[in-house]
Amino acid sequence: MSSVLIVNEISTEREEMTRALEGVVTDGTGAAAASLGRPLAGKTGTTDDFTDAWFIGYTPDLVVGVWVGFDAKKSLGERNSSRRILTRQLECESSQ
């Protein structure tokens, strides 16, 4: 009985985490990725000094991680968050 309960708890926690990360894409900082038109969950991030930005995400059959930055510590530009960078990149991709 206890092993069934543990499996159910893990499944529920996984579903809750996926829903939260889907919200990042549908309503949050990863909203630009929704233009891909596929089920997607993920998380964006930016360092406090705007020197690095990233997106880590997954679909039912793919996991992706994207980092944007310079080898040497250098600003990406004032207020250049992962949201702005992701939006610009996806706009460029869709226009090609």
PDB file of N, CA and C in Angstrom:
ATOM      1  N   MET A   1       0.817  -1.191   0.000  1.00  0.00           N
ATOM      2  CA  MET A   1       0.000   0.000   0.000  1.00  0.00           C
ATOM      3  C   MET A   1       0.864   1.261   0.000  1.00  0.00           C
ATOM      4  N   SER A   2       1.933   1.286   0.779  1.00  0.00           N
ATOM      5  CA  SER A   2       2.744   2.497   0.871  1.00  0.00           C
ATOM      6  C   SER A   2       3.470   2.792  -0.438  1.00  0.00           C
ATOM      7  N   SER A   3       3.894   1.772  -1.185  1.00  0.00           N
ATOM      8  CA  SER A   3       4.574   2.035  -2.460  1.00  0.00           C
ATOM      9  C   SER A   3       3.617   2.642  -3.483  1.00  0.00           C
ATOM     10  N   VAL A   4       2.365   2.273  -3.460  1.00  0.00           N
ATOM     11  CA  VAL A   4       1.371   2.858  -4.357  1.00  0.00           C
ATOM     12  C   VAL A   4       1.167   4.331  -4.003  1.00  0.00           C
ATOM     13  N   LEU A   5       1.114   4.626  -2.735  1.00  0.00           N
ATOM     14  CA  LEU A   5       0.939   6.003  -2.276  1.00  0.00           C
ATOM     15  C   LEU A   5       2.118   6.872  -2.709  1.00  0.00           C
ATOM     16  N   ILE A   6       3.327   6.358  -2.584  1.00  0.00           N
ATOM     17  CA  ILE A   6       4.518   7.114  -2.988  1.00  0.00           C
ATOM     18  C   ILE A   6       4.493   7.387  -4.483  1.00  0.00           C
ATOM     19  N   VAL A   7       4.161   6.403  -5.297  1.00  0.00           N
ATOM     20  CA  VAL A   7       4.083   6.591  -6.745  1.00  0.00           C
ATOM     21  C   VAL A   7       3.036   7.644  -7.079  1.00  0.00           C
ATOM     22  N   ASN A   8       1.887   7.596  -6.447  1.00  0.00           N
ATOM     23  CA  ASN A   8       0.837   8.585  -6.693  1.00  0.00           C
ATOM     24  C   ASN A   8       1.290   9.983  -6.288  1.00  0.00           C
ATOM     25  N   GLU A   9       2.005  10.109  -5.166  1.00  0.00           N
ATOM     26  CA  GLU A   9       2.504  11.408  -4.729  1.00  0.00           C
ATOM     27  C   GLU A   9       3.519  11.964  -5.721  1.00  0.00           C
ATOM     28  N   ILE A  10       4.415  11.122  -6.202  1.00  0.00           N
ATOM     29  CA  ILE A  10       5.421  11.557  -7.175  1.00  0.00           C
ATOM     30  C   ILE A  10       4.740  12.000  -8.458  1.00  0.00           C
ATOM     31  N   SER A  11       3.772  11.244  -8.923  1.00  0.00           N
ATOM     32  CA  SER A  11       3.044  11.592 -10.141  1.00  0.00           C
ATOM     33  C   SER A  11       2.332  12.931  -9.986  1.00  0.00           C
ATOM     34  N   THR A  12       1.693  13.137  -8.839  1.00  0.00           N
ATOM     35  CA  THR A  12       0.990  14.390  -8.580  1.00  0.00           C
ATOM     36  C   THR A  12       1.969  15.554  -8.523  1.00  0.00           C
ATOM     37  N   GLU A  13       3.102  15.383  -7.859  1.00  0.00           N
ATOM     38  CA  GLU A  13       4.106  16.449  -7.770  1.00  0.00           C
ATOM     39  C   GLU A  13       4.665  16.780  -9.155  1.00  0.00           C
ATOM     40  N   ARG A  14       4.891  15.761  -9.967  1.00  0.00           N
ATOM     41  CA  ARG A  14       5.390  15.975 -11.327  1.00  0.00           C
ATOM     42  C   ARG A  14       4.378  16.767 -12.148  1.00  0.00           C
ATOM     43  N   GLU A  15       3.120  16.416 -12.033  1.00  0.00           N
ATOM     44  CA  GLU A  15       2.065  17.128 -12.764  1.00  0.00           C
ATOM     45  C   GLU A  15       1.944  18.571 -12.293  1.00  0.00           C
ATOM     46  N   GLU A  16       2.046  18.805 -10.993  1.00  0.00           N
ATOM     47  CA  GLU A  16       1.974  20.163 -10.456  1.00  0.00           C
ATOM     48  C   GLU A  16       3.152  21.001 -10.935  1.00  0.00           C
ATOM     49  N   MET A  17       4.357  20.425 -10.948  1.00  0.00           N
ATOM     50  CA  MET A  17       5.540  21.145 -11.412  1.00  0.00           C
ATOM     51  C   MET A  17       5.411  21.469 -12.893  1.00  0.00           C
ATOM     52  N   THR A  18       4.935  20.525 -13.676  1.00  0.00           N
ATOM     53  CA  THR A  18       4.757  20.781 -15.113  1.00  0.00           C
ATOM     54  C   THR A  18       3.737  21.889 -15.337  1.00  0.00           C
ATOM     55  N   ARG A  19       2.639  21.873 -14.612  1.00  0.00           N
ATOM     56  CA  ARG A  19       1.642  22.951 -14.750  1.00  0.00           C
ATOM     57  C   ARG A  19       2.249  24.315 -14.412  1.00  0.00           C
ATOM     58  N   ALA A  20       3.041  24.359 -13.353  1.00  0.00           N
ATOM     59  CA  ALA A  20       3.681  25.627 -12.968  1.00  0.00           C
ATOM     60  C   ALA A  20       4.638  26.099 -14.063  1.00  0.00           C
ATOM     61  N   LEU A  21       5.416  25.189 -14.624  1.00  0.00           N
ATOM     62  CA  LEU A  21       6.376  25.555 -15.666  1.00  0.00           C
ATOM     63  C   LEU A  21       5.686  25.841 -16.998  1.00  0.00           C
ATOM     64  N   GLU A  22       4.525  25.242 -17.245  1.00  0.00           N
ATOM     65  CA  GLU A  22       3.737  25.614 -18.423  1.00  0.00           C
ATOM     66  C   GLU A  22       3.250  27.057 -18.285  1.00  0.00           C
ATOM     67  N   GLY A  23       2.936  27.457 -17.065  1.00  0.00           N
ATOM     68  CA  GLY A  23       2.502  28.826 -16.820  1.00  0.00           C
ATOM     69  C   GLY A  23       3.580  29.848 -17.137  1.00  0.00           C
ATOM     70  N   VAL A  24       4.842  29.486 -16.956  1.00  0.00           N
ATOM     71  CA  VAL A  24       5.949  30.375 -17.328  1.00  0.00           C
ATOM     72  C   VAL A  24       5.893  30.658 -18.825  1.00  0.00           C
ATOM     73  N   VAL A  25       5.534  29.642 -19.606  1.00  0.00           N
ATOM     74  CA  VAL A  25       5.473  29.789 -21.066  1.00  0.00           C
ATOM     75  C   VAL A  25       4.177  30.473 -21.499  1.00  0.00           C
ATOM     76  N   THR A  26       3.053  30.138 -20.893  1.00  0.00           N
ATOM     77  CA  THR A  26       1.785  30.711 -21.354  1.00  0.00           C
ATOM     78  C   THR A  26       1.539  32.114 -20.832  1.00  0.00           C
ATOM     79  N   ASP A  27       2.023  32.410 -19.622  1.00  0.00           N
ATOM     80  CA  ASP A  27       1.666  33.682 -18.998  1.00  0.00           C
ATOM     81  C   ASP A  27       2.839  34.454 -18.409  1.00  0.00           C
ATOM     82  N   GLY A  28       4.037  33.932 -18.499  1.00  0.00           N
ATOM     83  CA  GLY A  28       5.149  34.553 -17.774  1.00  0.00           C
ATOM     84  C   GLY A  28       6.306  34.963 -18.658  1.00  0.00           C
ATOM     85  N   THR A  29       7.492  34.860 -18.090  1.00  0.00           N
ATOM     86  CA  THR A  29       8.703  35.339 -18.751  1.00  0.00           C
ATOM     87  C   THR A  29       9.088  34.531 -19.985  1.00  0.00           C
ATOM     88  N   GLY A  30       8.547  33.343 -20.149  1.00  0.00           N
ATOM     89  CA  GLY A  30       8.829  32.524 -21.330  1.00  0.00           C
ATOM     90  C   GLY A  30       7.734  32.577 -22.368  1.00  0.00           C
ATOM     91  N   ALA A  31       6.855  33.580 -22.281  1.00  0.00           N
ATOM     92  CA  ALA A  31       5.678  33.652 -23.152  1.00  0.00           C
ATOM     93  C   ALA A  31       6.031  33.656 -24.640  1.00  0.00           C
ATOM     94  N   ALA A  32       7.184  34.168 -25.008  1.00  0.00           N
ATOM     95  CA  ALA A  32       7.564  34.178 -26.427  1.00  0.00           C
ATOM     96  C   ALA A  32       7.664  32.760 -26.984  1.00  0.00           C
ATOM     97  N   ALA A  33       8.021  31.810 -26.145  1.00  0.00           N
ATOM     98  CA  ALA A  33       8.154  30.425 -26.599  1.00  0.00           C
ATOM     99  C   ALA A  33       6.812  29.796 -26.939  1.00  0.00           C
ATOM    100  N   ALA A  34       5.717  30.371 -26.473  1.00  0.00           N
ATOM    101  CA  ALA A  34       4.390  29.851 -26.805  1.00  0.00           C
ATOM    102  C   ALA A  34       4.132  29.934 -28.305  1.00  0.00           C
ATOM    103  N   SER A  35       4.839  30.827 -28.991  1.00  0.00           N
ATOM    104  CA  SER A  35       4.664  30.959 -30.444  1.00  0.00           C
ATOM    105  C   SER A  35       5.121  29.710 -31.195  1.00  0.00           C
ATOM    106  N   LEU A  36       5.833  28.809 -30.524  1.00  0.00           N
ATOM    107  CA  LEU A  36       6.247  27.564 -31.171  1.00  0.00           C
ATOM    108  C   LEU A  36       5.058  26.644 -31.430  1.00  0.00           C
ATOM    109  N   GLY A  37       3.953  26.890 -30.727  1.00  0.00           N
ATOM    110  CA  GLY A  37       2.728  26.151 -30.977  1.00  0.00           C
ATOM    111  C   GLY A  37       2.776  24.689 -30.582  1.00  0.00           C
ATOM    112  N   ARG A  38       3.478  24.367 -29.535  1.00  0.00           N
ATOM    113  CA  ARG A  38       3.524  22.985 -29.050  1.00  0.00           C
ATOM    114  C   ARG A  38       3.485  22.990 -27.534  1.00  0.00           C
ATOM    115  N   PRO A  39       3.103  21.878 -26.923  1.00  0.00           N
ATOM    116  CA  PRO A  39       3.097  21.827 -25.459  1.00  0.00           C
ATOM    117  C   PRO A  39       4.519  22.074 -24.958  1.00  0.00           C
ATOM    118  N   LEU A  40       4.691  23.038 -24.070  1.00  0.00           N
ATOM    119  CA  LEU A  40       6.023  23.418 -23.623  1.00  0.00           C
ATOM    120  C   LEU A  40       5.963  23.907 -22.187  1.00  0.00           C
ATOM    121  N   ALA A  41       6.910  23.472 -21.399  1.00  0.00           N
ATOM    122  CA  ALA A  41       7.062  23.939 -20.025  1.00  0.00           C
ATOM    123  C   ALA A  41       8.514  24.355 -19.857  1.00  0.00           C
ATOM    124  N   GLY A  42       8.778  25.371 -19.052  1.00  0.00           N
ATOM    125  CA  GLY A  42      10.162  25.790 -18.889  1.00  0.00           C
ATOM    126  C   GLY A  42      10.333  26.900 -17.895  1.00  0.00           C
ATOM    127  N   LYS A  43      11.581  27.337 -17.756  1.00  0.00           N
ATOM    128  CA  LYS A  43      11.932  28.390 -16.811  1.00  0.00           C
ATOM    129  C   LYS A  43      13.002  29.263 -17.436  1.00  0.00           C
ATOM    130  N   THR A  44      12.824  30.572 -17.309  1.00  0.00           N
ATOM    131  CA  THR A  44      13.837  31.515 -17.763  1.00  0.00           C
ATOM    132  C   THR A  44      14.635  31.991 -16.563  1.00  0.00           C
ATOM    133  N   GLY A  45      15.778  32.584 -16.837  1.00  0.00           N
ATOM    134  CA  GLY A  45      16.575  33.154 -15.763  1.00  0.00           C
ATOM    135  C   GLY A  45      17.527  34.205 -16.293  1.00  0.00           C
ATOM    136  N   THR A  46      17.837  35.165 -15.451  1.00  0.00           N
ATOM    137  CA  THR A  46      18.777  36.230 -15.775  1.00  0.00           C
ATOM    138  C   THR A  46      19.578  36.539 -14.523  1.00  0.00           C
ATOM    139  N   THR A  47      20.884  36.745 -14.667  1.00  0.00           N
ATOM    140  CA  THR A  47      21.678  37.140 -13.503  1.00  0.00           C
ATOM    141  C   THR A  47      21.345  38.576 -13.119  1.00  0.00           C
ATOM    142  N   ASP A  48      21.600  38.908 -11.868  1.00  0.00           N
ATOM    143  CA  ASP A  48      21.271  40.250 -11.353  1.00  0.00           C
ATOM    144  C   ASP A  48      21.958  41.364 -12.136  1.00  0.00           C
ATOM    145  N   ASP A  49      23.136  41.087 -12.664  1.00  0.00           N
ATOM    146  CA  ASP A  49      23.880  42.129 -13.380  1.00  0.00           C
ATOM    147  C   ASP A  49      23.718  42.033 -14.902  1.00  0.00           C
ATOM    148  N   PHE A  50      22.754  41.255 -15.357  1.00  0.00           N
ATOM    149  CA  PHE A  50      22.421  41.122 -16.787  1.00  0.00           C
ATOM    150  C   PHE A  50      23.608  40.664 -17.634  1.00  0.00           C
ATOM    151  N   THR A  51      24.432  39.756 -17.081  1.00  0.00           N
ATOM    152  CA  THR A  51      25.549  39.218 -17.851  1.00  0.00           C
ATOM    153  C   THR A  51      25.235  37.847 -18.443  1.00  0.00           C
ATOM    154  N   ASP A  52      24.214  37.179 -17.956  1.00  0.00           N
ATOM    155  CA  ASP A  52      23.812  35.861 -18.457  1.00  0.00           C
ATOM    156  C   ASP A  52      22.294  35.752 -18.453  1.00  0.00           C
ATOM    157  N   ALA A  53      21.789  35.019 -19.435  1.00  0.00           N
ATOM    158  CA  ALA A  53      20.358  34.722 -19.492  1.00  0.00           C
ATOM    159  C   ALA A  53      20.204  33.296 -19.998  1.00  0.00           C
ATOM    160  N   TRP A  54      19.129  32.626 -19.610  1.00  0.00           N
ATOM    161  CA  TRP A  54      18.935  31.249 -20.048  1.00  0.00           C
ATOM    162  C   TRP A  54      17.466  30.879 -20.081  1.00  0.00           C
ATOM    163  N   PHE A  55      17.201  29.798 -20.810  1.00  0.00           N
ATOM    164  CA  PHE A  55      15.887  29.168 -20.817  1.00  0.00           C
ATOM    165  C   PHE A  55      16.125  27.667 -20.772  1.00  0.00           C
ATOM    166  N   ILE A  56      15.476  26.990 -19.864  1.00  0.00           N
ATOM    167  CA  ILE A  56      15.501  25.531 -19.766  1.00  0.00           C
ATOM    168  C   ILE A  56      14.053  25.090 -19.927  1.00  0.00           C
ATOM    169  N   GLY A  57      13.794  24.195 -20.869  1.00  0.00           N
ATOM    170  CA  GLY A  57      12.418  23.789 -21.090  1.00  0.00           C
ATOM    171  C   GLY A  57      12.297  22.374 -21.611  1.00  0.00           C
ATOM    172  N   TYR A  58      11.051  21.914 -21.678  1.00  0.00           N
ATOM    173  CA  TYR A  58      10.808  20.569 -22.191  1.00  0.00           C
ATOM    174  C   TYR A  58       9.413  20.448 -22.781  1.00  0.00           C
ATOM    175  N   THR A  59       9.324  19.531 -23.738  1.00  0.00           N
ATOM    176  CA  THR A  59       8.062  19.108 -24.324  1.00  0.00           C
ATOM    177  C   THR A  59       7.909  17.637 -23.941  1.00  0.00           C
ATOM    178  N   PRO A  60       6.832  16.984 -24.337  1.00  0.00           N
ATOM    179  CA  PRO A  60       6.730  15.564 -24.012  1.00  0.00           C
ATOM    180  C   PRO A  60       7.875  14.714 -24.588  1.00  0.00           C
ATOM    181  N   ASP A  61       8.559  15.202 -25.637  1.00  0.00           N
ATOM    182  CA  ASP A  61       9.615  14.369 -26.230  1.00  0.00           C
ATOM    183  C   ASP A  61      10.952  15.086 -26.442  1.00  0.00           C
ATOM    184  N   LEU A  62      11.160  16.251 -25.838  1.00  0.00           N
ATOM    185  CA  LEU A  62      12.377  17.014 -26.067  1.00  0.00           C
ATOM    186  C   LEU A  62      12.714  17.857 -24.842  1.00  0.00           C
ATOM    187  N   VAL A  63      13.995  17.915 -24.516  1.00  0.00           N
ATOM    188  CA  VAL A  63      14.483  18.789 -23.452  1.00  0.00           C
ATOM    189  C   VAL A  63      15.495  19.729 -24.068  1.00  0.00           C
ATOM    190  N   VAL A  64      15.439  21.022 -23.707  1.00  0.00           N
ATOM    191  CA  VAL A  64      16.360  21.997 -24.287  1.00  0.00           C
ATOM    192  C   VAL A  64      16.848  22.967 -23.211  1.00  0.00           C
ATOM    193  N   GLY A  65      18.095  23.357 -23.354  1.00  0.00           N
ATOM    194  CA  GLY A  65      18.676  24.385 -22.501  1.00  0.00           C
ATOM    195  C   GLY A  65      19.403  25.386 -23.385  1.00  0.00           C
ATOM    196  N   VAL A  66      19.136  26.653 -23.181  1.00  0.00           N
ATOM    197  CA  VAL A  66      19.765  27.705 -23.968  1.00  0.00           C
ATOM    198  C   VAL A  66      20.385  28.714 -23.011  1.00  0.00           C
ATOM    199  N   TRP A  67      21.657  29.016 -23.212  1.00  0.00           N
ATOM    200  CA  TRP A  67      22.348  30.027 -22.417  1.00  0.00           C
ATOM    201  C   TRP A  67      22.811  31.130 -23.351  1.00  0.00           C
ATOM    202  N   VAL A  68      22.673  32.368 -22.936  1.00  0.00           N
ATOM    203  CA  VAL A  68      23.154  33.517 -23.702  1.00  0.00           C
ATOM    204  C   VAL A  68      24.063  34.322 -22.791  1.00  0.00           C
ATOM    205  N   GLY A  69      25.254  34.606 -23.276  1.00  0.00           N
ATOM    206  CA  GLY A  69      26.201  35.391 -22.502  1.00  0.00           C
ATOM    207  C   GLY A  69      27.526  35.449 -23.230  1.00  0.00           C
ATOM    208  N   PHE A  70      28.515  36.010 -22.583  1.00  0.00           N
ATOM    209  CA  PHE A  70      29.857  36.113 -23.134  1.00  0.00           C
ATOM    210  C   PHE A  70      30.800  35.276 -22.288  1.00  0.00           C
ATOM    211  N   ASP A  71      31.905  34.802 -22.897  1.00  0.00           N
ATOM    212  CA  ASP A  71      32.888  34.039 -22.126  1.00  0.00           C
ATOM    213  C   ASP A  71      33.452  34.879 -20.988  1.00  0.00           C
ATOM    214  N   ALA A  72      33.807  36.117 -21.284  1.00  0.00           N
ATOM    215  CA  ALA A  72      34.268  37.048 -20.246  1.00  0.00           C
ATOM    216  C   ALA A  72      33.039  37.769 -19.694  1.00  0.00           C
ATOM    217  N   LYS A  73      33.073  38.092 -18.414  1.00  0.00           N
ATOM    218  CA  LYS A  73      31.921  38.760 -17.787  1.00  0.00           C
ATOM    219  C   LYS A  73      31.687  40.112 -18.459  1.00  0.00           C
ATOM    220  N   LYS A  74      30.575  40.208 -19.171  1.00  0.00           N
ATOM    221  CA  LYS A  74      30.230  41.422 -19.913  1.00  0.00           C
ATOM    222  C   LYS A  74      28.711  41.526 -19.955  1.00  0.00           C
ATOM    223  N   SER A  75      28.199  42.721 -19.818  1.00  0.00           N
ATOM    224  CA  SER A  75      26.756  42.929 -19.793  1.00  0.00           C
ATOM    225  C   SER A  75      26.120  42.596 -21.141  1.00  0.00           C
ATOM    226  N   LEU A  76      24.943  42.026 -21.096  1.00  0.00           N
ATOM    227  CA  LEU A  76      24.157  41.780 -22.310  1.00  0.00           C
ATOM    228  C   LEU A  76      23.455  43.061 -22.755  1.00  0.00           C
ATOM    229  N   GLY A  77      23.526  44.079 -21.958  1.00  0.00           N
ATOM    230  CA  GLY A  77      22.849  45.346 -22.225  1.00  0.00           C
ATOM    231  C   GLY A  77      21.927  45.664 -21.070  1.00  0.00           C
ATOM    232  N   GLU A  78      21.751  46.919 -20.820  1.00  0.00           N
ATOM    233  CA  GLU A  78      20.923  47.332 -19.689  1.00  0.00           C
ATOM    234  C   GLU A  78      19.525  46.727 -19.777  1.00  0.00           C
ATOM    235  N   ARG A  79      19.128  46.074 -18.712  1.00  0.00           N
ATOM    236  CA  ARG A  79      17.790  45.482 -18.583  1.00  0.00           C
ATOM    237  C   ARG A  79      17.492  44.416 -19.643  1.00  0.00           C
ATOM    238  N   ASN A  80      18.529  43.804 -20.191  1.00  0.00           N
ATOM    239  CA  ASN A  80      18.324  42.744 -21.176  1.00  0.00           C
ATOM    240  C   ASN A  80      18.080  41.428 -20.450  1.00  0.00           C
ATOM    241  N   SER A  81      16.848  41.168 -20.138  1.00  0.00           N
ATOM    242  CA  SER A  81      16.468  39.966 -19.409  1.00  0.00           C
ATOM    243  C   SER A  81      16.317  38.793 -20.363  1.00  0.00           C
ATOM    244  N   SER A  82      16.203  37.602 -19.795  1.00  0.00           N
ATOM    245  CA  SER A  82      15.993  36.415 -20.621  1.00  0.00           C
ATOM    246  C   SER A  82      14.694  36.539 -21.415  1.00  0.00           C
ATOM    247  N   ARG A  83      13.696  37.184 -20.845  1.00  0.00           N
ATOM    248  CA  ARG A  83      12.426  37.357 -21.562  1.00  0.00           C
ATOM    249  C   ARG A  83      12.632  38.169 -22.841  1.00  0.00           C
ATOM    250  N   ARG A  84      13.339  39.275 -22.757  1.00  0.00           N
ATOM    251  CA  ARG A  84      13.577  40.121 -23.935  1.00  0.00           C
ATOM    252  C   ARG A  84      14.408  39.382 -24.981  1.00  0.00           C
ATOM    253  N   ILE A  85      15.437  38.677 -24.523  1.00  0.00           N
ATOM    254  CA  ILE A  85      16.311  37.959 -25.451  1.00  0.00           C
ATOM    255  C   ILE A  85      15.548  36.841 -26.138  1.00  0.00           C
ATOM    256  N   LEU A  86      14.783  36.057 -25.386  1.00  0.00           N
ATOM    257  CA  LEU A  86      13.993  34.966 -25.958  1.00  0.00           C
ATOM    258  C   LEU A  86      12.976  35.503 -26.964  1.00  0.00           C
ATOM    259  N   THR A  87      12.321  36.591 -26.623  1.00  0.00           N
ATOM    260  CA  THR A  87      11.336  37.197 -27.529  1.00  0.00           C
ATOM    261  C   THR A  87      11.995  37.624 -28.833  1.00  0.00           C
ATOM    262  N   ARG A  88      13.116  38.336 -28.739  1.00  0.00           N
ATOM    263  CA  ARG A  88      13.809  38.786 -29.954  1.00  0.00           C
ATOM    264  C   ARG A  88      14.269  37.616 -30.805  1.00  0.00           C
ATOM    265  N   GLN A  89      14.831  36.588 -30.178  1.00  0.00           N
ATOM    266  CA  GLN A  89      15.331  35.438 -30.935  1.00  0.00           C
ATOM    267  C   GLN A  89      14.196  34.718 -31.655  1.00  0.00           C
ATOM    268  N   LEU A  90      13.082  34.495 -30.982  1.00  0.00           N
ATOM    269  CA  LEU A  90      11.967  33.800 -31.617  1.00  0.00           C
ATOM    270  C   LEU A  90      11.337  34.653 -32.716  1.00  0.00           C
ATOM    271  N   GLU A  91      11.317  35.963 -32.544  1.00  0.00           N
ATOM    272  CA  GLU A  91      10.823  36.836 -33.619  1.00  0.00           C
ATOM    273  C   GLU A  91      11.727  36.742 -34.840  1.00  0.00           C
ATOM    274  N   CYS A  92      13.036  36.707 -34.629  1.00  0.00           N
ATOM    275  CA  CYS A  92      13.975  36.568 -35.747  1.00  0.00           C
ATOM    276  C   CYS A  92      13.795  35.238 -36.459  1.00  0.00           C
ATOM    277  N   GLU A  93      13.653  34.165 -35.677  1.00  0.00           N
ATOM    278  CA  GLU A  93      13.473  32.828 -36.253  1.00  0.00           C
ATOM    279  C   GLU A  93      12.195  32.739 -37.078  1.00  0.00           C
ATOM    280  N   SER A  94      11.119  33.331 -36.587  1.00  0.00           N
ATOM    281  CA  SER A  94       9.835  33.210 -37.281  1.00  0.00           C
ATOM    282  C   SER A  94       9.780  34.061 -38.539  1.00  0.00           C
ATOM    283  N   SER A  95      10.627  35.084 -38.632  1.00  0.00           N
ATOM    284  CA  SER A  95      10.615  35.932 -39.822  1.00  0.00           C
ATOM    285  C   SER A  95      11.462  35.357 -40.954  1.00  0.00           C
ATOM    286  N   GLN A  96      12.220  34.307 -40.690  1.00  0.00           N
ATOM    287  CA  GLN A  96      13.085  33.722 -41.730  1.00  0.00           C
ATOM    288  C   GLN A  96      12.358  32.699 -42.561  1.00  0.00           C
TER     289      GLN A  96
END
